[in-house]
Amino acid sequence: MMNEQLRQVLLAREASNVKRYHTASIIREETVGQHSFNVANLLMIMTNGQCPHRLIVAALLHDMGEPKTGDLPSPVKVGLPKEVQDKLEEIEHRALRAIHPYADLDLSEEEGRLLSLADKIDGLLKCREELRMGNKEAIVIGERYVSYILSLTDNHETCRYFATECIHAFRKEYLV
C-alpha cells in the first residue's frame, strides 16, 4: 500500500502536467503547472507583494482538479448548463481535495476576483507569446481573454490600469 504523502505528491505531479490549450493550435505547449506558477507570480506583482498567503496557495492549486475533467476551454464551460458547470466544479474540487485536503481555499469575493483576473491575464500573455512566435490563431483566444479581463475590472481602477497595459501589450503584437 502506498504512503498517503507519496500518493498526494504523485497526484499533484499528474495535475501539474495537464496540457492547456489542447483544443487550439499553439506553438509552445503549456501545462497547468506552468500556468499556476505564472498566476501566483502575477498576483504577487499585481498586489505589490501584499498578496495574502491563501491567495497564493489558491493560485497554485486553482486548476489541480483538471486531471479529472481536462482543461475545458472557457467558451465550452460558459455554454454548459448551470447544473453541468456545478458538477464539473464539484469533480475538480474533490480531485483537488484528494491532493490537498488541508488547503484553505475560502477566498473573499475580492480575492476570488483577483485570482480570476490573474488567471485571465496569464492566458492573455500566453496568447501574446504565441503571436510573437507567429501564431495568428492566438488573436481570437486573446480577444476572448480581453473581454473577460474588461468585465473583471469594470469597477476596479487599480487592477484596470495593469490589465489595460497587458491588453495593449497583446494587441501591439498584431495591430502593427
Protein backbone atom coordinates (compact mmCIF):
# COMPACT_ATOMS: atom_id res chain seq x y z
CA MET A 1 0.00 0.00 0.00
CA MET A 2 1.25 3.47 -0.94
CA ASN A 3 2.15 6.08 1.66
CA GLU A 4 -0.52 8.86 1.71
CA GLN A 5 2.01 11.65 1.21
CA LEU A 6 3.56 9.88 -1.77
CA ARG A 7 0.09 9.39 -3.25
CA GLN A 8 -0.61 13.12 -2.85
CA VAL A 9 2.71 14.07 -4.46
CA LEU A 10 2.07 11.77 -7.42
CA LEU A 11 -1.43 13.19 -7.90
CA ALA A 12 -0.03 16.74 -7.73
CA ARG A 13 2.59 15.90 -10.36
CA GLU A 14 -0.11 14.42 -12.58
CA ALA A 15 -2.22 17.56 -12.16
CA SER A 16 0.67 19.89 -12.96
CA ASN A 17 1.28 18.08 -16.25
CA VAL A 18 -2.22 18.55 -17.69
CA LYS A 19 -1.82 20.30 -21.03
CA ARG A 20 -3.57 23.60 -21.58
CA TYR A 21 -4.94 24.82 -24.94
CA HIS A 22 -5.31 21.27 -26.22
CA THR A 23 -8.21 22.36 -28.45
CA ALA A 24 -6.25 25.19 -30.08
CA SER A 25 -3.29 25.29 -32.43
CA ILE A 26 -0.38 26.52 -30.37
CA ILE A 27 3.34 26.60 -30.98
CA ARG A 28 4.63 26.10 -27.43
CA GLU A 29 2.74 23.77 -25.11
CA GLU A 30 1.88 24.95 -21.64
CA THR A 31 0.98 22.85 -18.61
CA VAL A 32 -1.22 23.57 -15.61
CA GLY A 33 1.96 23.69 -13.50
CA GLN A 34 3.49 26.45 -15.64
CA HIS A 35 0.22 28.37 -15.73
CA SER A 36 -0.32 28.12 -11.95
CA PHE A 37 3.23 29.35 -11.31
CA ASN A 38 2.58 32.32 -13.63
CA VAL A 39 -0.75 33.15 -11.94
CA ALA A 40 0.88 33.13 -8.48
CA ASN A 41 3.62 35.45 -9.75
CA LEU A 42 1.09 37.77 -11.38
CA LEU A 43 -0.78 38.04 -8.08
CA MET A 44 2.42 38.96 -6.25
CA ILE A 45 3.15 41.66 -8.83
CA MET A 46 -0.44 42.94 -9.03
CA THR A 47 -0.57 43.36 -5.24
CA ASN A 48 2.93 44.83 -4.92
CA GLY A 49 3.96 41.84 -2.81
CA GLN A 50 0.98 42.21 -0.46
CA CYS A 51 -0.85 39.11 -1.66
CA PRO A 52 -2.39 37.05 1.16
CA HIS A 53 -0.83 33.61 1.61
CA ARG A 54 -4.14 31.80 0.98
CA LEU A 55 -4.49 33.60 -2.36
CA ILE A 56 -1.04 32.43 -3.48
CA VAL A 57 -1.98 28.90 -2.41
CA ALA A 58 -5.27 29.18 -4.32
CA ALA A 59 -3.35 30.36 -7.41
CA LEU A 60 -1.02 27.39 -7.22
CA LEU A 61 -3.91 24.97 -6.78
CA HIS A 62 -6.73 26.52 -8.83
CA ASP A 63 -6.50 24.05 -11.76
CA MET A 64 -5.30 20.95 -9.90
CA GLY A 65 -8.61 19.18 -10.37
CA GLU A 66 -8.20 19.12 -14.14
CA PRO A 67 -6.81 15.58 -14.41
CA LYS A 68 -10.42 14.50 -13.73
CA THR A 69 -12.11 16.92 -16.18
CA GLY A 70 -9.41 18.07 -18.57
CA ASP A 71 -8.70 21.71 -19.33
CA LEU A 72 -12.07 22.78 -20.70
CA PRO A 73 -11.95 25.96 -22.79
CA SER A 74 -13.87 28.87 -21.21
CA PRO A 75 -16.43 29.13 -24.03
CA VAL A 76 -17.29 25.46 -23.51
CA LYS A 77 -17.67 25.90 -19.75
CA VAL A 78 -19.83 29.00 -20.15
CA GLY A 79 -22.00 27.24 -22.73
CA LEU A 80 -22.80 24.33 -20.44
CA PRO A 81 -26.00 24.23 -18.39
CA LYS A 82 -25.52 25.53 -14.82
CA GLU A 83 -26.02 22.07 -13.28
CA VAL A 84 -23.27 20.64 -15.51
CA GLN A 85 -20.94 23.52 -14.61
CA ASP A 86 -21.63 22.89 -10.92
CA LYS A 87 -20.99 19.13 -11.33
CA LEU A 88 -17.66 19.76 -13.09
CA GLU A 89 -16.66 22.20 -10.37
CA GLU A 90 -17.56 19.61 -7.74
CA ILE A 91 -15.45 16.94 -9.51
CA GLU A 92 -12.48 19.32 -9.74
CA HIS A 93 -12.90 20.33 -6.10
CA ARG A 94 -12.93 16.69 -4.94
CA ALA A 95 -9.82 15.94 -7.03
CA LEU A 96 -8.04 18.96 -5.54
CA ARG A 97 -9.07 17.93 -2.01
CA ALA A 98 -7.64 14.45 -2.64
CA ILE A 99 -4.25 16.11 -3.11
CA HIS A 100 -4.53 18.96 -0.59
CA PRO A 101 -7.26 18.22 1.96
CA TYR A 102 -5.90 20.89 4.33
CA ALA A 103 -5.66 23.83 1.91
CA ASP A 104 -7.63 26.95 2.87
CA LEU A 105 -9.43 27.82 -0.35
CA ASP A 106 -12.13 30.03 1.16
CA LEU A 107 -11.44 33.27 -0.65
CA SER A 108 -13.27 36.53 -0.20
CA GLU A 109 -15.15 37.88 -3.21
CA GLU A 110 -12.32 40.35 -3.85
CA GLU A 111 -9.66 37.64 -3.62
CA GLY A 112 -11.68 35.46 -6.00
CA ARG A 113 -11.88 38.35 -8.46
CA LEU A 114 -8.11 38.93 -8.23
CA LEU A 115 -7.42 35.23 -8.81
CA SER A 116 -9.75 35.16 -11.80
CA LEU A 117 -8.16 38.31 -13.18
CA ALA A 118 -4.61 36.95 -12.81
CA ASP A 119 -5.78 33.70 -14.44
CA LYS A 120 -7.20 35.59 -17.44
CA ILE A 121 -4.20 37.92 -17.73
CA ASP A 122 -1.89 34.92 -17.80
CA GLY A 123 -3.98 33.48 -20.64
CA LEU A 124 -3.72 36.79 -22.50
CA LEU A 125 0.06 36.88 -22.02
CA LYS A 126 0.27 33.31 -23.32
CA CYS A 127 -1.57 34.50 -26.44
CA ARG A 128 0.93 37.37 -26.73
CA GLU A 129 3.79 34.85 -26.66
CA GLU A 130 2.09 32.78 -29.33
CA LEU A 131 1.64 35.86 -31.52
CA ARG A 132 5.30 36.76 -31.08
CA MET A 133 6.15 33.28 -32.41
CA GLY A 134 3.90 33.83 -35.44
CA ASN A 135 0.70 32.09 -34.34
CA LYS A 136 -2.07 34.37 -35.64
CA GLU A 137 -4.72 31.95 -34.35
CA ALA A 138 -3.96 33.28 -30.86
CA ILE A 139 -5.74 36.55 -31.73
CA VAL A 140 -9.23 35.06 -31.32
CA ILE A 141 -8.37 33.41 -28.00
CA GLY A 142 -6.61 36.55 -26.79
CA GLU A 143 -9.55 38.79 -27.63
CA ARG A 144 -11.80 36.45 -25.66
CA TYR A 145 -9.46 36.93 -22.70
CA VAL A 146 -9.65 40.71 -23.24
CA SER A 147 -13.45 40.54 -22.84
CA TYR A 148 -13.14 38.54 -19.62
CA ILE A 149 -10.49 40.92 -18.26
CA LEU A 150 -12.52 44.03 -19.02
CA SER A 151 -15.59 42.58 -17.30
CA LEU A 152 -13.49 41.73 -14.22
CA THR A 153 -12.02 45.24 -14.00
CA ASP A 154 -15.16 47.30 -14.71
CA ASN A 155 -15.29 48.63 -11.15
CA HIS A 156 -11.68 48.15 -10.13
CA GLU A 157 -9.49 51.09 -11.13
CA THR A 158 -6.28 49.75 -9.55
CA CYS A 159 -6.37 46.49 -11.46
CA ARG A 160 -7.80 48.10 -14.59
CA TYR A 161 -4.61 50.08 -15.22
CA PHE A 162 -2.38 46.98 -15.12
CA ALA A 163 -4.90 44.95 -17.11
CA THR A 164 -5.07 47.68 -19.76
CA GLU A 165 -1.28 47.63 -20.06
CA CYS A 166 -1.40 43.86 -20.63
CA ILE A 167 -4.14 44.28 -23.24
CA HIS A 168 -2.05 46.89 -25.07
CA ALA A 169 1.00 44.60 -25.00
CA PHE A 170 -1.10 41.81 -26.53
CA ARG A 171 -2.73 43.96 -29.22
CA LYS A 172 0.58 45.59 -30.12
CA GLU A 173 1.64 42.20 -31.49
CA TYR A 174 -0.95 42.20 -34.27
CA LEU A 175 -2.11 45.80 -34.65
CA VAL A 176 1.08 46.97 -36.28
